[in-house]
Protein backbone atom coordinates (compact mmCIF):
# COMPACT_ATOMS: atom_id res chain seq x y z
CA MET A 1 31.74 -39.08 -30.83
CA ALA A 2 32.25 -42.59 -29.44
CA SER A 3 35.40 -43.10 -31.53
CA VAL A 4 36.82 -39.83 -30.27
CA TRP A 5 36.21 -40.85 -26.72
CA ARG A 6 37.88 -44.27 -27.31
CA CYS A 7 40.87 -42.41 -28.71
CA VAL A 8 41.12 -40.26 -25.62
CA VAL A 9 40.84 -43.27 -23.31
CA SER A 10 43.50 -45.19 -25.24
CA ARG A 11 45.91 -42.28 -24.93
CA PHE A 12 45.32 -41.96 -21.17
CA PRO A 13 44.58 -45.49 -19.96
CA LYS A 14 45.76 -44.95 -16.39
CA ILE A 15 44.14 -41.65 -15.58
CA ARG A 16 42.55 -41.78 -12.18
CA PHE A 17 39.53 -39.57 -12.04
CA PRO A 18 39.40 -37.46 -8.90
CA GLU A 19 36.45 -37.55 -6.57
CA ILE A 20 33.94 -35.02 -7.78
CA ARG A 21 31.99 -33.14 -5.13
CA PHE A 22 28.91 -31.30 -6.23
CA THR A 23 28.03 -28.06 -4.50
CA LYS A 24 24.39 -27.12 -4.27
CA ILE A 25 23.62 -23.84 -5.96
CA ARG A 26 20.90 -22.08 -4.02
CA LEU A 27 18.44 -20.64 -6.52
CA PRO A 28 15.97 -17.90 -5.58
CA LYS A 29 12.53 -18.92 -4.45
CA ILE A 30 9.61 -17.70 -6.50
CA PRO A 31 6.82 -16.97 -4.00
CA ASN A 32 3.98 -17.69 -6.41
CA PRO A 33 4.36 -19.69 -9.66
CA ASP A 34 1.68 -17.58 -11.29
CA ILE A 35 3.54 -14.33 -10.66
CA PRO A 36 6.42 -13.40 -13.01
CA ASN A 37 9.69 -12.99 -11.15
CA SER A 38 12.18 -11.33 -13.42
CA GLN A 39 14.80 -10.96 -10.69
CA ALA A 40 14.68 -14.66 -9.91
CA LEU A 41 15.04 -15.51 -13.61
CA LEU A 42 18.06 -13.22 -13.85
CA GLN A 43 19.63 -14.93 -10.88
CA LEU A 44 18.88 -18.33 -12.40
CA ALA A 45 20.53 -17.28 -15.65
CA SER A 46 23.61 -16.12 -13.79
CA ALA A 47 23.73 -19.43 -11.94
CA LYS A 48 23.60 -21.31 -15.26
CA ALA A 49 26.50 -19.22 -16.46
CA VAL A 50 28.64 -20.83 -13.75
CA PHE A 51 28.48 -24.30 -15.35
CA PRO A 52 30.98 -23.69 -18.22
CA SER A 53 33.51 -22.63 -15.59
CA LEU A 54 32.86 -25.82 -13.64
CA ILE A 55 33.46 -27.90 -16.77
CA THR A 56 36.75 -26.07 -17.39
CA VAL A 57 37.87 -26.81 -13.84
CA LEU A 58 36.98 -30.49 -14.28
CA VAL A 59 39.00 -30.79 -17.53
CA LEU A 60 42.02 -29.12 -15.95
CA SER A 61 41.67 -31.46 -13.00
CA LEU A 62 41.82 -34.49 -15.33
CA TRP A 63 44.98 -33.21 -16.92
CA THR A 64 46.68 -32.47 -13.61
CA THR A 65 45.68 -35.88 -12.23
CA GLY A 66 47.81 -37.54 -14.88
CA ALA A 67 50.75 -35.42 -13.79
CA ARG A 68 50.36 -36.44 -10.16
CA ASN A 69 50.49 -40.10 -11.23
CA ASP A 70 53.69 -39.60 -13.26
CA GLU A 71 51.83 -40.15 -16.51
CA PRO A 72 52.77 -38.24 -19.65
CA VAL A 73 50.69 -35.16 -19.98
CA PRO A 74 49.80 -33.89 -23.43
CA PRO A 75 50.03 -30.20 -24.11
CA LEU A 76 47.04 -28.21 -22.98
CA PRO A 77 44.74 -26.97 -25.72
CA VAL A 78 45.19 -23.39 -26.75
CA VAL A 79 42.62 -21.17 -25.09
CA VAL A 80 41.82 -17.86 -26.72
CA ALA A 81 40.99 -15.32 -24.06
CA GLU A 82 37.94 -13.20 -24.58
CA THR A 83 38.51 -9.50 -25.06
CA THR A 84 37.18 -7.43 -22.16
CA VAL A 85 35.06 -4.55 -23.35
CA ARG A 86 35.45 -1.65 -20.98
CA PRO A 87 32.63 0.85 -20.71
CA ALA A 88 33.30 4.29 -21.95
CA PRO A 89 34.23 6.67 -19.15
CA THR A 90 31.39 8.78 -17.82
CA PRO A 91 31.77 12.34 -19.01
CA PRO A 92 32.13 14.96 -16.30
CA PRO A 93 28.96 16.81 -15.32
CA SER A 94 28.19 20.01 -17.15
CA ARG A 95 28.30 23.40 -15.49
CA ASP A 96 24.53 23.42 -15.35
CA VAL A 97 24.47 20.14 -13.43
CA LEU A 98 27.20 21.36 -11.08
CA ARG A 99 25.27 24.56 -10.45
CA LEU A 100 22.14 22.51 -9.71
CA ARG A 101 24.05 20.35 -7.24
CA ASP A 102 25.41 23.42 -5.47
CA ASP A 103 21.94 24.93 -5.22
CA LEU A 104 20.33 21.77 -3.84
CA SER A 105 23.16 21.24 -1.36
CA ALA A 106 22.71 24.78 -0.08
CA LEU A 107 19.00 24.18 0.43
CA LEU A 108 19.59 20.97 2.38
CA ASP A 109 22.25 22.64 4.52
CA THR A 110 19.99 25.41 5.75
CA PRO A 111 20.76 26.15 9.42
CA ALA A 112 17.18 25.39 10.49
CA LEU A 113 17.65 21.76 9.40
CA ARG A 114 21.16 21.00 10.59
CA SER A 115 19.94 18.14 12.76
CA ALA A 116 17.97 16.53 9.93
CA GLU A 117 18.87 13.21 8.36
CA TRP A 118 18.47 13.33 4.57
CA SER A 119 18.16 10.82 1.78
CA VAL A 120 17.81 12.56 -1.57
CA LEU A 121 18.11 11.44 -5.19
CA VAL A 122 17.33 13.15 -8.50
CA VAL A 123 17.75 11.28 -11.78
CA SER A 124 16.84 11.99 -15.38
CA LEU A 125 14.36 9.55 -16.85
CA ASP A 126 15.38 10.68 -20.34
CA GLU A 127 19.16 10.99 -20.04
CA LYS A 128 19.57 8.15 -17.50
CA ASP A 129 22.03 10.12 -15.38
CA THR A 130 22.08 11.21 -11.75
CA LEU A 131 21.72 14.94 -11.27
CA PHE A 132 21.95 14.97 -7.49
CA ALA A 133 22.45 12.49 -4.68
CA ARG A 134 22.90 12.80 -0.95
CA ASP A 135 22.89 9.65 1.14
CA GLU A 136 20.50 8.14 -1.38
CA ASN A 137 20.76 4.71 0.28
CA ARG A 138 20.19 5.93 3.84
CA PHE A 139 17.42 3.88 5.48
CA LEU A 140 14.76 6.30 6.76
CA ALA A 141 11.10 6.38 7.71
CA PRO A 142 9.16 7.45 4.59
CA ALA A 143 5.79 8.35 6.19
CA SER A 144 3.13 8.39 3.45
CA ASN A 145 5.75 8.00 0.74
CA MET A 146 5.26 4.32 1.53
CA LYS A 147 2.13 4.71 -0.61
CA ILE A 148 4.45 4.97 -3.65
CA ALA A 149 5.45 1.34 -3.11
CA THR A 150 1.87 0.28 -2.34
CA THR A 151 0.55 1.91 -5.51
CA ALA A 152 3.26 0.45 -7.74
CA ALA A 153 2.78 -3.05 -6.32
CA ALA A 154 -1.02 -2.85 -6.60
CA LEU A 155 -0.85 -1.84 -10.27
CA HIS A 156 1.49 -4.78 -10.89
CA PHE A 157 -0.31 -7.52 -8.95
CA LEU A 158 -3.95 -6.38 -9.27
CA GLY A 159 -3.98 -4.11 -12.32
CA PRO A 160 -5.77 -0.77 -12.76
CA GLU A 161 -9.05 -2.48 -13.75
CA PHE A 162 -9.32 -4.69 -10.66
CA ARG A 163 -12.71 -4.48 -8.91
CA TYR A 164 -13.89 -5.56 -5.47
CA GLN A 165 -16.94 -7.73 -4.91
CA THR A 166 -19.35 -7.69 -1.98
CA PHE A 167 -21.97 -10.41 -1.52
CA VAL A 168 -25.18 -11.13 0.37
CA PHE A 169 -26.03 -14.75 1.17
CA ALA A 170 -29.10 -16.42 2.64
CA ASP A 171 -28.11 -18.88 5.36
CA GLY A 172 -31.32 -20.85 5.51
CA PRO A 173 -34.35 -21.82 3.47
CA ILE A 174 -36.77 -19.25 2.06
CA GLU A 175 -40.38 -20.25 2.71
CA ASN A 176 -43.38 -18.09 1.85
CA GLY A 177 -41.26 -14.94 1.83
CA VAL A 178 -39.53 -15.74 5.10
CA LEU A 179 -35.79 -16.38 5.34
CA ARG A 180 -35.57 -18.91 8.14
CA GLY A 181 -32.00 -18.11 9.09
CA ASP A 182 -29.42 -15.35 8.86
CA LEU A 183 -28.62 -12.92 6.10
CA ILE A 184 -24.83 -12.85 5.59
CA LEU A 185 -23.15 -9.68 4.32
CA TYR A 186 -19.74 -10.81 3.06
CA GLY A 187 -16.95 -8.39 2.14
CA THR A 188 -13.70 -8.94 0.26
CA GLY A 189 -12.00 -5.70 1.28
CA ASP A 190 -13.86 -2.93 -0.60
CA PRO A 191 -13.15 0.37 1.26
CA GLY A 192 -15.35 2.45 -1.07
CA ILE A 193 -18.92 1.71 0.11
CA SER A 194 -19.66 5.29 1.12
CA ASP A 195 -20.89 8.57 -0.30
CA ARG A 196 -17.48 9.08 -1.93
CA PHE A 197 -18.53 7.10 -5.01
CA TYR A 198 -22.30 6.96 -4.59
CA ARG A 199 -25.20 9.38 -4.24
CA ASP A 200 -25.28 8.64 -0.54
CA GLY A 201 -23.57 6.17 1.70
CA THR A 202 -26.39 3.65 1.59
CA GLU A 203 -26.86 3.40 -2.18
CA VAL A 204 -25.10 0.02 -2.32
CA PHE A 205 -27.26 -1.31 0.52
CA GLU A 206 -30.38 0.02 -1.19
CA SER A 207 -29.40 -2.09 -4.19
CA PHE A 208 -28.96 -5.10 -1.90
CA SER A 209 -32.40 -4.48 -0.42
CA LYS A 210 -33.96 -4.45 -3.88
CA GLN A 211 -32.21 -7.68 -4.89
CA ILE A 212 -33.35 -9.34 -1.66
CA ALA A 213 -36.92 -8.20 -2.22
CA ASP A 214 -36.76 -9.52 -5.81
CA ALA A 215 -35.92 -12.92 -4.31
CA GLY A 216 -39.32 -12.78 -2.58
CA ILE A 217 -38.07 -12.15 0.95
CA THR A 218 -40.22 -10.00 3.20
CA ARG A 219 -38.98 -11.13 6.60
CA ILE A 220 -35.69 -12.40 8.03
CA GLU A 221 -36.04 -14.63 11.08
CA GLY A 222 -32.36 -14.44 11.97
CA ALA A 223 -29.83 -11.60 12.04
CA VAL A 224 -27.89 -9.60 9.51
CA VAL A 225 -24.39 -11.02 9.97
CA GLY A 226 -21.36 -9.01 8.88
CA ASP A 227 -18.70 -11.51 7.78
CA ALA A 228 -15.21 -9.92 7.71
CA THR A 229 -13.19 -13.14 7.59
CA TYR A 230 -11.79 -12.69 4.07
CA PHE A 231 -9.00 -10.73 5.77
CA SER A 232 -7.10 -12.08 8.75
CA GLY A 233 -5.05 -10.76 11.62
CA PRO A 234 -5.52 -7.49 13.50
CA GLU A 235 -7.57 -4.64 12.05
CA LEU A 236 -5.28 -1.95 13.46
CA GLY A 237 -1.85 -1.53 11.93
CA PRO A 238 1.37 -2.59 13.63
CA GLU A 239 2.82 0.02 15.96
CA TRP A 240 0.27 2.66 15.06
CA ASP A 241 0.39 5.50 17.55
CA PRO A 242 -2.40 4.93 20.13
CA ARG A 243 -3.06 8.68 20.06
CA ASP A 244 -4.19 8.33 16.43
CA LEU A 245 -6.61 5.43 16.80
CA ASN A 246 -9.68 7.62 17.31
CA GLU A 247 -8.93 9.70 14.21
CA TRP A 248 -10.37 9.10 10.75
CA PHE A 249 -6.93 8.47 9.25
CA ALA A 250 -6.36 5.47 11.55
CA ALA A 251 -9.66 3.64 10.99
CA SER A 252 -9.76 -0.12 11.46
CA VAL A 253 -8.99 -2.08 8.28
CA SER A 254 -11.67 -4.70 7.71
CA ALA A 255 -12.76 -6.93 4.85
CA LEU A 256 -16.19 -5.40 5.35
CA SER A 257 -16.29 -1.60 5.47
CA PHE A 258 -19.00 1.05 5.37
CA ASN A 259 -18.74 4.85 5.46
CA GLU A 260 -14.93 4.44 5.58
CA ASN A 261 -15.39 3.00 9.08
CA ILE A 262 -16.15 6.43 10.53
CA VAL A 263 -19.09 7.58 12.62
CA THR A 264 -19.85 11.25 13.26
CA LEU A 265 -20.85 12.54 16.67
CA GLN A 266 -23.10 15.59 16.71
CA ILE A 267 -23.13 17.27 20.11
CA LEU A 268 -26.03 19.71 20.61
CA PRO A 269 -26.50 22.09 23.59
CA SER A 270 -29.42 21.27 25.84
CA ALA A 271 -32.38 23.62 25.96
CA ARG A 272 -32.01 23.65 29.75
CA LEU A 273 -29.04 25.14 31.57
CA GLY A 274 -27.02 22.74 33.66
CA PHE A 275 -28.16 19.72 31.68
CA PRO A 276 -25.85 17.54 29.54
CA PRO A 277 -25.90 18.15 25.79
CA ARG A 278 -27.67 15.82 23.42
CA ILE A 279 -25.41 13.47 21.46
CA GLU A 280 -26.41 11.92 18.16
CA THR A 281 -24.45 9.62 15.91
CA ILE A 282 -24.52 9.69 12.12
CA PRO A 283 -25.46 7.52 10.34
CA PHE A 284 -28.40 5.59 11.78
CA GLY A 285 -27.89 6.48 15.35
CA PHE A 286 -25.17 3.86 15.46
CA PRO A 287 -24.74 2.89 19.11
CA LEU A 288 -21.52 3.96 20.78
CA ASP A 289 -20.62 3.53 24.42
CA VAL A 290 -20.67 7.17 25.55
CA SER A 291 -20.31 8.61 29.03
CA ASN A 292 -21.77 12.12 28.77
CA GLN A 293 -20.38 14.26 31.62
CA ALA A 294 -20.63 17.61 29.81
CA GLU A 295 -22.84 20.51 30.90
CA THR A 296 -24.80 23.19 29.05
CA VAL A 297 -23.88 26.72 30.27
CA SER A 298 -24.83 30.27 29.33
CA ASP A 299 -21.74 32.40 29.99
CA ARG A 300 -19.13 30.79 27.80
CA PRO A 301 -18.29 32.70 24.60
CA ARG A 302 -16.57 29.59 23.29
CA PRO A 303 -17.29 25.96 24.09
CA ASN A 304 -14.80 24.20 26.30
CA LEU A 305 -15.69 20.63 25.57
CA TRP A 306 -13.55 17.59 24.91
CA LEU A 307 -13.81 13.92 24.01
CA ASP A 308 -11.62 11.18 25.37
CA ARG A 309 -11.33 7.54 24.30
CA VAL A 310 -8.34 5.32 25.00
CA GLU A 311 -8.88 3.13 21.90
CA PRO A 312 -11.74 2.37 19.48
CA THR A 313 -13.40 -0.33 21.59
CA ALA A 314 -13.32 1.70 24.84
CA ARG A 315 -16.01 3.99 26.24
CA ILE A 316 -16.10 7.55 24.94
CA ARG A 317 -16.06 10.22 27.64
CA VAL A 318 -17.56 13.60 26.77
CA ASP A 319 -16.75 16.28 29.32
CA GLY A 320 -16.55 20.05 29.71
CA GLU A 321 -19.03 22.78 28.86
CA ILE A 322 -21.04 23.80 25.82
CA ARG A 323 -22.77 27.14 25.43
CA GLN A 324 -26.55 27.25 25.25
CA GLY A 325 -27.63 28.69 21.93
CA GLY A 326 -24.16 28.15 20.51
CA PRO A 327 -23.20 26.01 17.53
CA ASP A 328 -23.30 22.26 17.52
CA ILE A 329 -19.98 20.46 17.81
CA TRP A 330 -19.09 17.77 15.29
CA ARG A 331 -16.47 15.10 15.76
CA ARG A 332 -15.59 12.10 13.56
CA LEU A 333 -14.53 8.93 15.33
CA THR A 334 -13.47 5.49 14.17
CA VAL A 335 -15.98 2.72 14.78
CA PRO A 336 -15.04 -0.11 17.16
CA ASP A 337 -16.13 -2.90 14.78
CA PRO A 338 -16.53 -2.12 11.04
CA ALA A 339 -18.34 -5.40 10.32
CA VAL A 340 -21.01 -4.69 12.93
CA PHE A 341 -21.23 -1.14 11.62
CA ALA A 342 -21.89 -2.34 8.05
CA ALA A 343 -24.37 -4.99 9.18
CA ARG A 344 -26.25 -2.39 11.20
CA ALA A 345 -26.46 -0.10 8.17
CA LEU A 346 -27.82 -2.88 5.94
CA ARG A 347 -30.34 -3.89 8.62
CA GLU A 348 -31.64 -0.31 8.87
CA VAL A 349 -32.01 -0.08 5.08
CA LEU A 350 -33.90 -3.37 4.92
CA ILE A 351 -36.31 -2.29 7.65
CA SER A 352 -36.87 1.07 5.97
CA ASN A 353 -37.82 -0.79 2.78
CA GLY A 354 -40.37 -3.03 4.48
CA ILE A 355 -38.23 -6.12 5.08
CA ALA A 356 -38.50 -7.10 8.72
CA VAL A 357 -35.41 -8.34 10.55
CA ARG A 358 -36.04 -10.14 13.79
CA ALA A 359 -32.63 -10.34 15.47
CA PRO A 360 -30.04 -7.59 16.04
CA GLU A 361 -26.95 -7.42 13.85
CA ARG A 362 -23.75 -9.27 14.69
CA ALA A 363 -20.35 -9.98 13.13
CA VAL A 364 -18.04 -12.91 12.41
CA HIS A 365 -14.27 -12.38 12.54
CA ASP A 366 -12.93 -15.93 12.89
CA ALA A 367 -12.67 -17.82 9.59
CA ALA A 368 -13.41 -21.09 11.42
CA GLU A 369 -16.87 -19.72 12.26
CA SER A 370 -17.58 -18.37 8.78
CA LYS A 371 -20.11 -20.03 6.51
CA ILE A 372 -18.35 -18.51 3.49
CA THR A 373 -14.56 -18.18 3.89
CA GLY A 374 -12.71 -21.31 2.91
CA ARG A 375 -15.74 -22.83 1.25
CA GLU A 376 -16.90 -22.97 -2.31
CA SER A 377 -20.01 -21.02 -1.42
CA TRP A 378 -18.16 -17.69 -1.28
CA ALA A 379 -18.01 -17.61 -5.07
CA PRO A 380 -20.70 -15.56 -6.86
CA ARG A 381 -23.01 -18.37 -7.85
CA LEU A 382 -26.10 -20.09 -6.51
CA ILE A 383 -25.46 -22.96 -4.15
CA ASP A 384 -27.79 -25.90 -3.71
CA GLY A 385 -28.33 -27.85 -0.55
CA ASP A 386 -27.48 -26.66 2.92
CA GLU A 387 -24.82 -24.18 1.86
CA PRO A 388 -25.64 -20.45 1.89
CA SER A 389 -27.15 -19.26 -1.38
CA LEU A 390 -26.28 -16.02 -3.14
CA LEU A 391 -28.97 -13.36 -3.04
CA ALA A 392 -27.16 -10.19 -4.11
CA HIS A 393 -23.76 -8.84 -5.02
CA HIS A 394 -22.06 -5.53 -5.75
CA THR A 395 -19.06 -4.67 -7.93
CA SER A 396 -16.85 -1.71 -7.00
CA PRO A 397 -15.35 0.97 -9.26
CA GLU A 398 -11.98 0.18 -10.82
CA LEU A 399 -8.90 0.04 -8.64
CA LEU A 400 -7.36 3.05 -10.41
CA GLN A 401 -10.04 5.28 -8.89
CA TYR A 402 -9.20 3.90 -5.45
CA LEU A 403 -5.47 4.50 -5.99
CA THR A 404 -6.24 8.08 -6.96
CA VAL A 405 -8.05 8.58 -3.63
CA LEU A 406 -5.15 6.85 -1.89
CA ASN A 407 -2.53 9.29 -3.21
CA HIS A 408 -4.50 12.50 -3.75
CA GLU A 409 -5.94 12.40 -0.23
CA SER A 410 -3.25 10.24 1.34
CA HIS A 411 -6.09 7.98 2.45
CA ASN A 412 -4.78 5.35 4.83
CA LEU A 413 -7.84 3.09 4.85
CA PHE A 414 -7.65 2.72 1.07
CA ALA A 415 -3.92 2.01 1.26
CA GLU A 416 -4.30 -0.63 3.96
CA SER A 417 -7.32 -2.30 2.34
CA ILE A 418 -5.38 -2.58 -0.90
CA ILE A 419 -2.24 -3.94 0.74
CA LYS A 420 -4.30 -6.58 2.58
CA THR A 421 -5.93 -7.49 -0.73
CA MET A 422 -2.49 -7.99 -2.28
CA GLY A 423 -1.53 -10.12 0.69
CA LYS A 424 -4.59 -12.33 0.16
CA ILE A 425 -4.02 -12.74 -3.58
CA VAL A 426 -0.21 -12.93 -3.69
CA THR A 427 0.67 -14.71 -0.43
CA GLY A 428 -2.67 -16.24 0.57
CA GLU A 429 -2.79 -14.15 3.76
CA GLY A 430 -5.02 -11.07 3.80
CA SER A 431 -3.22 -9.35 6.65
CA PHE A 432 -0.80 -6.49 7.20
CA GLU A 433 2.04 -9.01 7.28
CA GLY A 434 0.90 -10.77 4.11
CA GLY A 435 0.46 -7.47 2.29
CA ALA A 436 3.88 -6.24 3.41
CA ARG A 437 5.42 -9.44 2.00
CA ALA A 438 3.69 -8.82 -1.32
CA VAL A 439 5.15 -5.29 -1.49
CA GLN A 440 8.59 -6.66 -0.63
CA VAL A 441 8.31 -9.32 -3.35
CA PHE A 442 7.40 -6.69 -5.90
CA ALA A 443 10.16 -4.29 -4.85
CA THR A 444 12.96 -6.86 -4.76
CA SER A 445 11.98 -9.47 -7.36
CA GLU A 446 10.30 -7.23 -9.91
CA ALA A 447 11.79 -3.76 -9.47
CA GLY A 448 15.27 -4.98 -8.51
CA ILE A 449 15.45 -3.03 -5.24
CA GLU A 450 17.99 -4.41 -2.78
CA GLU A 451 16.41 -6.14 0.20
CA ASP A 452 18.18 -3.85 2.63
CA GLN A 453 16.66 -0.78 0.93
CA ILE A 454 13.00 -1.34 1.77
CA MET A 455 11.13 -2.65 4.79
CA ALA A 456 7.36 -2.51 4.49
CA VAL A 457 5.24 -2.88 7.63
CA ASP A 458 1.96 -1.41 6.38
CA GLY A 459 0.67 0.12 3.17
CA SER A 460 0.09 3.69 4.33
CA GLY A 461 3.35 4.59 6.08
CA LEU A 462 1.50 5.34 9.32
CA SER A 463 3.80 2.99 11.24
CA GLU A 464 7.14 4.47 12.21
CA SER A 465 8.73 1.07 11.56
CA ASN A 466 8.49 1.40 7.77
CA ARG A 467 11.90 2.06 6.25
CA THR A 468 13.21 2.82 2.78
CA SER A 469 15.55 5.20 0.98
CA ALA A 470 15.36 7.84 -1.71
CA GLY A 471 17.28 5.48 -3.97
CA ALA A 472 14.71 2.71 -3.49
CA LEU A 473 11.75 5.00 -4.16
CA VAL A 474 13.34 6.42 -7.31
CA GLY A 475 14.16 2.84 -8.33
CA LEU A 476 10.48 1.96 -8.02
CA LEU A 477 9.58 4.95 -10.19
CA GLN A 478 12.14 3.87 -12.79
CA HIS A 479 10.67 0.39 -12.88
CA VAL A 480 7.08 1.58 -13.26
CA ALA A 481 8.21 4.05 -15.97
CA ILE A 482 9.11 1.16 -18.31
CA SER A 483 5.91 -0.76 -17.60
CA ASP A 484 2.44 -0.52 -19.08
CA ASN A 485 1.22 1.04 -15.82
CA TRP A 486 3.22 4.28 -15.99
CA ASP A 487 0.41 6.56 -17.20
CA SER A 488 -1.97 5.06 -14.65
CA PHE A 489 0.57 5.52 -11.88
CA VAL A 490 1.28 9.15 -12.76
CA SER A 491 -2.45 9.94 -12.85
CA THR A 492 -2.76 8.93 -9.19
CA LEU A 493 -0.23 11.53 -8.00
CA PRO A 494 -1.42 14.98 -6.89
CA GLU A 495 -0.31 17.96 -8.98
CA ALA A 496 1.50 20.92 -7.42
CA GLY A 497 -0.52 24.12 -7.26
CA ARG A 498 -3.85 22.31 -7.10
CA ARG A 499 -6.28 21.24 -4.41
CA ASP A 500 -4.51 18.08 -3.23
CA LEU A 501 -0.97 19.55 -3.34
CA ARG A 502 -1.38 23.19 -2.40
CA ARG A 503 2.28 24.04 -2.68
CA MET A 504 4.75 25.62 -5.09
CA TYR A 505 2.29 28.25 -6.35
CA GLY A 506 3.86 30.82 -8.67
CA THR A 507 6.72 28.54 -9.73
CA ARG A 508 7.36 26.39 -12.77
CA ALA A 509 6.53 23.38 -10.60
CA ALA A 510 2.85 24.42 -10.38
CA ARG A 511 0.65 22.35 -12.71
CA ASN A 512 3.81 20.46 -13.65
CA LEU A 513 5.31 18.58 -10.70
CA ARG A 514 3.41 15.50 -9.49
CA ALA A 515 4.39 13.99 -6.18
CA LYS A 516 3.30 12.16 -3.04
CA THR A 517 3.80 13.93 0.26
CA GLY A 518 4.51 12.26 3.59
CA THR A 519 4.34 13.53 7.17
CA ILE A 520 4.47 11.93 10.60
CA ASP A 521 6.18 13.18 13.77
CA GLY A 522 9.71 14.23 12.87
CA VAL A 523 9.39 12.99 9.28
CA SER A 524 8.71 14.70 5.98
CA ALA A 525 8.95 13.33 2.44
CA LEU A 526 8.21 14.21 -1.17
CA THR A 527 8.64 11.77 -4.07
CA GLY A 528 7.53 12.17 -7.65
CA ILE A 529 8.24 13.50 -11.14
CA VAL A 530 8.78 16.93 -12.68
CA THR A 531 9.39 18.31 -16.17
CA THR A 532 12.27 20.76 -16.66
CA ARG A 533 12.35 23.94 -18.75
CA ASP A 534 13.44 22.04 -21.84
CA GLY A 535 11.01 19.14 -21.39
CA GLU A 536 13.28 16.67 -19.61
CA THR A 537 11.54 14.33 -17.17
CA LEU A 538 13.17 14.03 -13.76
CA LEU A 539 12.43 11.54 -10.99
CA PHE A 540 13.13 12.59 -7.43
CA SER A 541 12.75 11.56 -3.82
CA ILE A 542 13.40 13.70 -0.75
CA LEU A 543 13.24 12.00 2.67
CA SER A 544 14.04 13.72 5.94
CA ASN A 545 13.99 12.36 9.51
CA GLU A 546 14.86 13.71 12.96
CA LEU A 547 13.12 16.98 12.22
CA ARG A 548 12.33 19.60 14.76
CA SER A 549 9.95 21.20 12.28
CA THR A 550 8.35 19.43 9.34
CA ASP A 551 7.26 22.87 8.07
CA ALA A 552 10.88 23.86 7.51
CA ALA A 553 11.54 20.62 5.64
CA LYS A 554 8.52 21.16 3.43
CA ARG A 555 9.74 24.63 2.50
CA VAL A 556 13.00 23.06 1.39
CA GLU A 557 11.12 20.38 -0.58
CA ASP A 558 9.12 23.08 -2.35
CA ARG A 559 12.24 25.05 -3.26
CA ILE A 560 13.90 21.90 -4.57
CA GLY A 561 10.81 21.09 -6.64
CA ALA A 562 10.76 24.61 -8.09
CA ARG A 563 14.51 24.46 -8.83
CA LEU A 564 14.15 21.15 -10.66
CA ALA A 565 11.28 22.51 -12.74
CA ASP A 566 13.49 25.46 -13.64
CA PHE A 567 16.49 23.35 -14.57
CA LEU A 568 17.92 23.77 -18.06
CA ARG A 569 20.62 21.32 -18.98
CA ASN A 570 22.28 23.56 -21.54
CA GLY A 571 21.72 26.95 -20.06
CA ALA A 572 21.56 28.85 -16.83
CA PRO A 573 18.32 28.81 -14.82
CA THR A 574 16.29 31.94 -14.51
CA SER A 575 15.35 33.39 -11.15
C-alpha cells in the first residue's frame, strides 16, 4: 500500500490539497442507553451511508485541484453506475375494495355529520395494503384512544409481567413492642389496592397489619405517614376540565392510592322533618369538609338534592330537599389527598387489629421531606442504623391485568398511574410530563411514527390537548403486531357485542371486532382490529372531532365496523 501511495505522489508532486471542512452530522439522541432505539439506529446507519459519497467528493476535488494549477490531469477512473431497481407498480384496487371505499365514504358523508372533521384509516395486516383512507394524517383529539398509545408503550417499556410494590417502614426504634416513631406507608404507583382485585378494599392493609404484628409491634407512638413522593408534579392532569374533577374518572393520580381514590357519600333522610339529612362516608367515615344545607321533607315524590364542590380540596356543599322515608342517595367523589386517604385506611385497620396508633395520619408529598425517596432505604431490604427499616411489603397483580382494566373500562386512574410509572422508569421523572415523553419516545423511536403525528399530554386522553391521527394509531398497531406483545395487547381490548363494548349486536363484528372507544365533548373515536369474512385481519382507526352529536358518530363507527367484518376481498358482501 505504501508503494502505491509513493507512486501516486510521484505522479502528482505539485498537487495542492484543498482545505477540507468537516460538517458535523447531527445524530439522534437516545434518551436512555438501556432502552433499544431502533429508529435512532436506522438514522445512524443512514448517516454512515453518507461517508462513501464524501470520499468520492474528496477524490474528485483532488483531481480538479490539479487542473486549476495547470498540472496534467490523468483520466478519471471508470465508474460503473449501479442499476436502479424500480418497485413494481401497485396493482389497481379490486372491485371489492372500490365498493368498500364507496360504502365507507357514504357513511362518513352522512348529512348529520357534515361539520365533522375525520381522520380514518383501514389497512390489511395480512395483505399490507390500504383499504380505505380519509385524511389519515389529520391531527385530531383522540379522547380515550390515547390509551392505545399508553398500552403499547407500557407493554414495551414495562412488560406484561411488571408488578408494583408497596412498602411499610418503621421510622424509629422498636422497644418492648412500641415503635417510637412513625410508620411510613410508601407507594410506587399501584392503582389497584381496592376491592377490584381483593376480597375487600382493605385486604392488602390487613396483610400489612399482620406483618407489623409479627414484628412484635403493639403500639405506634407516632403517626401513619402516607409517602407519595415516588411520583412528582401535580396529581391532576394538565388541562382537565374542572367540571370533571369531582367525578370518579378524574381522580387524583398519586404514587399512593387506595380504593381508586374515591370516597362514597351516603345521604340518608332524617327521622325528623325539617332537619338536615345524615351524611356518612364510605369507607371508614373518611372525613370530608361538608356543608350540609339540605332539608328532610315529606311532600316530595322525588328528591331534589344536589352536591356542589369547586375542586377536590374545596368544601362540599349539600343542598336541596330529600324525602322522609325515601331512598338513600349515593354519590361517589374523588378524595382531596389520596396519600392521606390511604394512611387513614391503614391506621383504621391497625387499630381494629389491636395495634394502637397515637397520632393522626398525615402525608408527605415533597421528595425533600421523604425518608425514603432518593435514599437507599426505599429498596425492599432491612436497613441498619438510623434509616427506616422495612416491616412489610405487597406485590401487585401483573401489569397485563391492569391494562385490561384500563381498556375494558376505559379507566383513567389506571392509565395515568401507568404513564407516570413509565415516566419514572424511562425518563427519571414520575410525572404527567415525564410519562408523556416516554410515550413519545416509544411512538417515534420504536414504532417509527412521525413526531408531528402524535402529541401526548396524559395517558388517558382526558385532556383535550392530546393530538394524534388515524395513521399514527394504525401505525402503533402495526408495530405491536410484529412484536412479542401482540397477543397481550389484543387481550386488553374490549370485544364488540359484550359487556365492555355493547355495540354492533347482530352483525359479523359481534364477538369478532376488538377496539378501544373514546369520547369527550365533541370527540368520538374507535380504534382496533377486526377479522373479515374470509379471515383477513384488518387494522382500523376512526377519529372524529367538531361533533354536534357523538351518538351520531358512534352509529357511523358501528356501521363501519360491521362493514369491515363483512368484507370479502374476492366477492361481494352480503347484506
